[in-house]
Amino acid sequence: MQVQKLIFMLMAQHMERAIAFYRDVIGLELRVNYGGWAELGGEDAVVALHGGGDGEYRTTGLSFTVADVAAACDEVSAGGGRVVRSPQVRDGEGIVLAFLADTEGNGFMLTQHTR
């Protein structure tokens, strides 16, 4: 098998709000927008948004590594997302980890390396 593209899909209740969050707060580039489907990317990764979400919180496995997790949590909150669990040092793992949710209820992690 030869994978041509890796996409991490999230459901969105309100597409324009979700696009604005991942573009303006997370900093991904909007690459495709067909109304009910959007793709935003950074480097070789794509976060795709699909209409039809219900706004309820759900874990996704999506994770972003940032330089300053506390500052990034503040940016997410200011951008309409929410901090589900504040940054915590993970002893033995060399990271600080926070759990957040986007404007559509999709849970994601922010990680800062401490080593």
C-alpha atoms as a PDB file:
ATOM      1  CA  MET A   1       0.000   0.000   0.000  1.00  0.00           C
ATOM      2  CA  GLN A   2       1.224   3.480  -0.812  1.00  0.00           C
ATOM      3  CA  VAL A   3      -0.510   6.148   1.282  1.00  0.00           C
ATOM      4  CA  GLN A   4      -0.916   9.349  -0.711  1.00  0.00           C
ATOM      5  CA  LYS A   5      -2.240  11.589   2.054  1.00  0.00           C
ATOM      6  CA  LEU A   6      -2.802  11.306   5.797  1.00  0.00           C
ATOM      7  CA  ILE A   7      -5.917  13.090   7.072  1.00  0.00           C
ATOM      8  CA  PHE A   8      -7.129  13.476  10.651  1.00  0.00           C
ATOM      9  CA  MET A   9     -10.890  14.127  10.399  1.00  0.00           C
ATOM     10  CA  LEU A  10     -12.950  15.984  13.001  1.00  0.00           C
ATOM     11  CA  MET A  11     -16.676  16.620  13.024  1.00  0.00           C
ATOM     12  CA  ALA A  12     -17.846  20.237  13.077  1.00  0.00           C
ATOM     13  CA  GLN A  13     -21.227  21.572  14.091  1.00  0.00           C
ATOM     14  CA  HIS A  14     -20.447  25.020  12.644  1.00  0.00           C
ATOM     15  CA  MET A  15     -17.937  24.845   9.778  1.00  0.00           C
ATOM     16  CA  GLU A  16     -16.926  28.503   9.537  1.00  0.00           C
ATOM     17  CA  ARG A  17     -16.351  28.706  13.308  1.00  0.00           C
ATOM     18  CA  ALA A  18     -14.258  25.516  13.199  1.00  0.00           C
ATOM     19  CA  ILE A  19     -12.248  26.729  10.200  1.00  0.00           C
ATOM     20  CA  ALA A  20     -11.554  30.042  11.946  1.00  0.00           C
ATOM     21  CA  PHE A  21     -10.394  28.207  15.088  1.00  0.00           C
ATOM     22  CA  TYR A  22      -7.903  25.949  13.316  1.00  0.00           C
ATOM     23  CA  ARG A  23      -6.747  28.729  10.975  1.00  0.00           C
ATOM     24  CA  ASP A  24      -6.579  31.693  13.349  1.00  0.00           C
ATOM     25  CA  VAL A  25      -5.887  30.065  16.727  1.00  0.00           C
ATOM     26  CA  ILE A  26      -3.949  26.886  15.897  1.00  0.00           C
ATOM     27  CA  GLY A  27      -2.246  28.441  12.861  1.00  0.00           C
ATOM     28  CA  LEU A  28      -3.022  25.883  10.168  1.00  0.00           C
ATOM     29  CA  GLU A  29      -3.356  26.928   6.540  1.00  0.00           C
ATOM     30  CA  LEU A  30      -6.788  26.550   4.925  1.00  0.00           C
ATOM     31  CA  ARG A  31      -6.195  24.434   1.818  1.00  0.00           C
ATOM     32  CA  VAL A  32      -9.667  23.178   0.818  1.00  0.00           C
ATOM     33  CA  ASN A  33     -13.142  24.467   1.645  1.00  0.00           C
ATOM     34  CA  TYR A  34     -16.175  22.897  -0.008  1.00  0.00           C
ATOM     35  CA  GLY A  35     -18.772  24.005   2.539  1.00  0.00           C
ATOM     36  CA  GLY A  36     -19.293  20.675   4.304  1.00  0.00           C
ATOM     37  CA  TRP A  37     -15.636  19.649   4.015  1.00  0.00           C
ATOM     38  CA  ALA A  38     -12.501  21.624   4.758  1.00  0.00           C
ATOM     39  CA  GLU A  39      -8.825  20.714   4.981  1.00  0.00           C
ATOM     40  CA  LEU A  40      -6.293  22.702   6.954  1.00  0.00           C
ATOM     41  CA  GLY A  41      -2.645  21.792   7.049  1.00  0.00           C
ATOM     42  CA  GLY A  42       0.724  22.374   8.519  1.00  0.00           C
ATOM     43  CA  GLU A  43       3.877  20.652   7.280  1.00  0.00           C
ATOM     44  CA  ASP A  44       2.722  17.237   5.995  1.00  0.00           C
ATOM     45  CA  ALA A  45      -0.325  16.865   8.247  1.00  0.00           C
ATOM     46  CA  VAL A  46      -3.944  17.643   7.395  1.00  0.00           C
ATOM     47  CA  VAL A  47      -6.796  18.277   9.814  1.00  0.00           C
ATOM     48  CA  ALA A  48     -10.062  17.826   7.940  1.00  0.00           C
ATOM     49  CA  LEU A  49     -13.384  19.183   9.174  1.00  0.00           C
ATOM     50  CA  HIS A  50     -16.647  17.516   8.219  1.00  0.00           C
ATOM     51  CA  GLY A  51     -20.034  19.094   8.852  1.00  0.00           C
ATOM     52  CA  GLY A  52     -22.624  17.361  10.984  1.00  0.00           C
ATOM     53  CA  GLY A  53     -21.113  17.442  14.445  1.00  0.00           C
ATOM     54  CA  ASP A  54     -23.359  17.842  17.482  1.00  0.00           C
ATOM     55  CA  GLY A  55     -21.049  20.043  19.581  1.00  0.00           C
ATOM     56  CA  GLU A  56     -20.676  17.430  22.341  1.00  0.00           C
ATOM     57  CA  TYR A  57     -17.200  16.838  23.795  1.00  0.00           C
ATOM     58  CA  ARG A  58     -15.381  13.864  22.286  1.00  0.00           C
ATOM     59  CA  THR A  59     -11.779  12.691  22.489  1.00  0.00           C
ATOM     60  CA  THR A  60      -9.962  12.489  19.172  1.00  0.00           C
ATOM     61  CA  GLY A  61      -6.289  11.667  19.685  1.00  0.00           C
ATOM     62  CA  LEU A  62      -5.266  14.902  17.926  1.00  0.00           C
ATOM     63  CA  SER A  63      -2.156  16.437  19.482  1.00  0.00           C
ATOM     64  CA  PHE A  64      -0.028  19.513  18.799  1.00  0.00           C
ATOM     65  CA  THR A  65       3.479  20.099  20.141  1.00  0.00           C
ATOM     66  CA  VAL A  66       4.069  23.746  21.085  1.00  0.00           C
ATOM     67  CA  ALA A  67       6.910  25.787  22.580  1.00  0.00           C
ATOM     68  CA  ASP A  68       4.836  27.187  25.476  1.00  0.00           C
ATOM     69  CA  VAL A  69       1.835  25.086  26.485  1.00  0.00           C
ATOM     70  CA  ALA A  70       0.520  27.618  29.049  1.00  0.00           C
ATOM     71  CA  ALA A  71       0.511  30.444  26.496  1.00  0.00           C
ATOM     72  CA  ALA A  72      -1.082  28.149  23.904  1.00  0.00           C
ATOM     73  CA  CYS A  73      -3.867  27.260  26.376  1.00  0.00           C
ATOM     74  CA  ASP A  74      -4.550  30.971  26.815  1.00  0.00           C
ATOM     75  CA  GLU A  75      -4.720  31.411  23.023  1.00  0.00           C
ATOM     76  CA  VAL A  76      -7.141  28.494  22.668  1.00  0.00           C
ATOM     77  CA  SER A  77      -9.406  29.935  25.381  1.00  0.00           C
ATOM     78  CA  ALA A  78      -9.305  33.396  23.793  1.00  0.00           C
ATOM     79  CA  GLY A  79     -10.155  31.808  20.435  1.00  0.00           C
ATOM     80  CA  GLY A  80     -13.323  30.109  21.670  1.00  0.00           C
ATOM     81  CA  GLY A  81     -11.932  26.732  22.708  1.00  0.00           C
ATOM     82  CA  ARG A  82     -11.669  25.538  26.287  1.00  0.00           C
ATOM     83  CA  VAL A  83      -9.110  23.990  28.586  1.00  0.00           C
ATOM     84  CA  VAL A  84     -10.402  20.615  29.783  1.00  0.00           C
ATOM     85  CA  ARG A  85      -7.351  19.856  31.938  1.00  0.00           C
ATOM     86  CA  SER A  86      -4.694  22.454  32.703  1.00  0.00           C
ATOM     87  CA  PRO A  87      -1.058  21.805  31.793  1.00  0.00           C
ATOM     88  CA  GLN A  88       0.589  19.199  33.995  1.00  0.00           C
ATOM     89  CA  VAL A  89       4.195  18.070  34.131  1.00  0.00           C
ATOM     90  CA  ARG A  90       4.402  14.389  33.226  1.00  0.00           C
ATOM     91  CA  ASP A  91       7.223  13.052  35.394  1.00  0.00           C
ATOM     92  CA  GLY A  92       9.477  10.649  33.551  1.00  0.00           C
ATOM     93  CA  GLU A  93       8.023  11.579  30.154  1.00  0.00           C
ATOM     94  CA  GLY A  94       9.803  14.898  29.636  1.00  0.00           C
ATOM     95  CA  ILE A  95       6.636  16.772  28.703  1.00  0.00           C
ATOM     96  CA  VAL A  96       3.992  19.145  29.956  1.00  0.00           C
ATOM     97  CA  LEU A  97       0.560  18.000  28.763  1.00  0.00           C
ATOM     98  CA  ALA A  98      -2.796  19.801  28.587  1.00  0.00           C
ATOM     99  CA  PHE A  99      -6.174  18.602  27.333  1.00  0.00           C
ATOM    100  CA  LEU A 100      -8.379  21.060  25.453  1.00  0.00           C
ATOM    101  CA  ALA A 101     -11.467  21.202  23.252  1.00  0.00           C
ATOM    102  CA  ASP A 102     -12.011  23.187  20.081  1.00  0.00           C
ATOM    103  CA  THR A 103     -15.107  25.276  19.365  1.00  0.00           C
ATOM    104  CA  GLU A 104     -16.934  22.141  18.166  1.00  0.00           C
ATOM    105  CA  GLY A 105     -16.261  19.942  21.210  1.00  0.00           C
ATOM    106  CA  ASN A 106     -13.374  17.976  19.652  1.00  0.00           C
ATOM    107  CA  GLY A 107     -10.809  17.162  22.323  1.00  0.00           C
ATOM    108  CA  PHE A 108      -7.109  17.547  21.576  1.00  0.00           C
ATOM    109  CA  MET A 109      -3.815  17.695  23.442  1.00  0.00           C
ATOM    110  CA  LEU A 110      -1.102  20.302  23.640  1.00  0.00           C
ATOM    111  CA  THR A 111       2.368  19.065  24.527  1.00  0.00           C
ATOM    112  CA  GLN A 112       5.524  20.981  25.451  1.00  0.00           C
ATOM    113  CA  HIS A 113       8.846  19.153  25.652  1.00  0.00           C
ATOM    114  CA  THR A 114      10.822  19.858  28.813  1.00  0.00           C
ATOM    115  CA  ARG A 115      14.079  18.186  27.791  1.00  0.00           C
END
